[in-house]
Amino acid sequence: MGLILLAFGLVLIVEGLAYALAPSLIERMLEALRALPEPARRLMGLLCVVSGFVLLWGAYQLGF
């Protein structure tokens, strides 16, 4: 459970920094995402989920 909370906290920090430091870049990224077809957005989401699981598994294997 502690690992999940750690990962969630890190995600919130990174997301918060992106919005705090570059809000106009976030707006442009959202516009680019709107231009993509729905299947491409779903694939991107799935790849992010799988990448996240791989990173968590790797951190767990390293003892973090």
C-alpha atoms as a PDB file:
ATOM      1  CA  MET A   1       0.000   0.000   0.000  1.00  0.00           C
ATOM      2  CA  GLY A   2       2.867   2.345   0.792  1.00  0.00           C
ATOM      3  CA  LEU A   3       4.290   1.879  -2.701  1.00  0.00           C
ATOM      4  CA  ILE A   4       0.974   2.840  -4.276  1.00  0.00           C
ATOM      5  CA  LEU A   5       0.771   5.984  -2.150  1.00  0.00           C
ATOM      6  CA  LEU A   6       4.355   6.865  -3.076  1.00  0.00           C
ATOM      7  CA  ALA A   7       3.640   6.433  -6.776  1.00  0.00           C
ATOM      8  CA  PHE A   8       0.420   8.447  -6.545  1.00  0.00           C
ATOM      9  CA  GLY A   9       2.215  11.241  -4.702  1.00  0.00           C
ATOM     10  CA  LEU A  10       4.946  11.376  -7.335  1.00  0.00           C
ATOM     11  CA  VAL A  11       2.372  11.558 -10.120  1.00  0.00           C
ATOM     12  CA  LEU A  12       0.629  14.451  -8.369  1.00  0.00           C
ATOM     13  CA  ILE A  13       3.938  16.300  -7.963  1.00  0.00           C
ATOM     14  CA  VAL A  14       4.870  15.903 -11.629  1.00  0.00           C
ATOM     15  CA  GLU A  15       1.379  16.847 -12.838  1.00  0.00           C
ATOM     16  CA  GLY A  16       1.246  19.833 -10.522  1.00  0.00           C
ATOM     17  CA  LEU A  17       4.640  21.076 -11.691  1.00  0.00           C
ATOM     18  CA  ALA A  18       3.555  20.838 -15.319  1.00  0.00           C
ATOM     19  CA  TYR A  19       0.453  22.940 -14.668  1.00  0.00           C
ATOM     20  CA  ALA A  20       2.339  25.422 -12.465  1.00  0.00           C
ATOM     21  CA  LEU A  21       5.345  25.933 -14.737  1.00  0.00           C
ATOM     22  CA  ALA A  22       3.883  25.618 -18.242  1.00  0.00           C
ATOM     23  CA  PRO A  23       0.094  26.079 -18.356  1.00  0.00           C
ATOM     24  CA  SER A  24       0.165  27.270 -21.985  1.00  0.00           C
ATOM     25  CA  LEU A  25       2.036  24.126 -23.014  1.00  0.00           C
ATOM     26  CA  ILE A  26      -0.644  22.020 -21.336  1.00  0.00           C
ATOM     27  CA  GLU A  27      -3.321  23.864 -23.323  1.00  0.00           C
ATOM     28  CA  ARG A  28      -1.483  23.177 -26.597  1.00  0.00           C
ATOM     29  CA  MET A  29      -1.070  19.517 -25.676  1.00  0.00           C
ATOM     30  CA  LEU A  30      -4.801  19.219 -24.970  1.00  0.00           C
ATOM     31  CA  GLU A  31      -5.588  20.758 -28.361  1.00  0.00           C
ATOM     32  CA  ALA A  32      -3.266  18.245 -30.042  1.00  0.00           C
ATOM     33  CA  LEU A  33      -4.962  15.397 -28.169  1.00  0.00           C
ATOM     34  CA  ARG A  34      -8.383  16.587 -29.309  1.00  0.00           C
ATOM     35  CA  ALA A  35      -7.163  16.364 -32.914  1.00  0.00           C
ATOM     36  CA  LEU A  36      -6.246  12.678 -32.530  1.00  0.00           C
ATOM     37  CA  PRO A  37      -8.843  10.017 -33.283  1.00  0.00           C
ATOM     38  CA  GLU A  38     -10.328   8.200 -30.289  1.00  0.00           C
ATOM     39  CA  PRO A  39      -8.579   4.846 -30.974  1.00  0.00           C
ATOM     40  CA  ALA A  40      -5.193   6.594 -30.951  1.00  0.00           C
ATOM     41  CA  ARG A  41      -6.005   8.243 -27.601  1.00  0.00           C
ATOM     42  CA  ARG A  42      -7.082   4.874 -26.180  1.00  0.00           C
ATOM     43  CA  LEU A  43      -3.837   3.283 -27.355  1.00  0.00           C
ATOM     44  CA  MET A  44      -1.816   6.087 -25.788  1.00  0.00           C
ATOM     45  CA  GLY A  45      -3.676   5.618 -22.514  1.00  0.00           C
ATOM     46  CA  LEU A  46      -3.113   1.874 -22.566  1.00  0.00           C
ATOM     47  CA  LEU A  47       0.597   2.344 -23.273  1.00  0.00           C
ATOM     48  CA  CYS A  48       0.848   4.778 -20.345  1.00  0.00           C
ATOM     49  CA  VAL A  49      -0.838   2.289 -18.009  1.00  0.00           C
ATOM     50  CA  VAL A  50       1.446  -0.549 -19.101  1.00  0.00           C
ATOM     51  CA  SER A  51       4.515   1.701 -18.802  1.00  0.00           C
ATOM     52  CA  GLY A  52       3.447   2.707 -15.311  1.00  0.00           C
ATOM     53  CA  PHE A  53       3.065  -0.901 -14.239  1.00  0.00           C
ATOM     54  CA  VAL A  54       6.485  -1.741 -15.663  1.00  0.00           C
ATOM     55  CA  LEU A  55       8.053   1.179 -13.784  1.00  0.00           C
ATOM     56  CA  LEU A  56       6.339   0.185 -10.531  1.00  0.00           C
ATOM     57  CA  TRP A  57       7.423  -3.431 -10.976  1.00  0.00           C
ATOM     58  CA  GLY A  58      10.993  -2.322 -11.652  1.00  0.00           C
ATOM     59  CA  ALA A  59      11.029  -0.083  -8.583  1.00  0.00           C
ATOM     60  CA  TYR A  60       9.648  -2.949  -6.495  1.00  0.00           C
ATOM     61  CA  GLN A  61      12.338  -5.311  -7.800  1.00  0.00           C
ATOM     62  CA  LEU A  62      15.019  -2.775  -6.891  1.00  0.00           C
ATOM     63  CA  GLY A  63      13.684  -2.577  -3.348  1.00  0.00           C
ATOM     64  CA  PHE A  64      12.026   0.827  -3.465  1.00  0.00           C
END
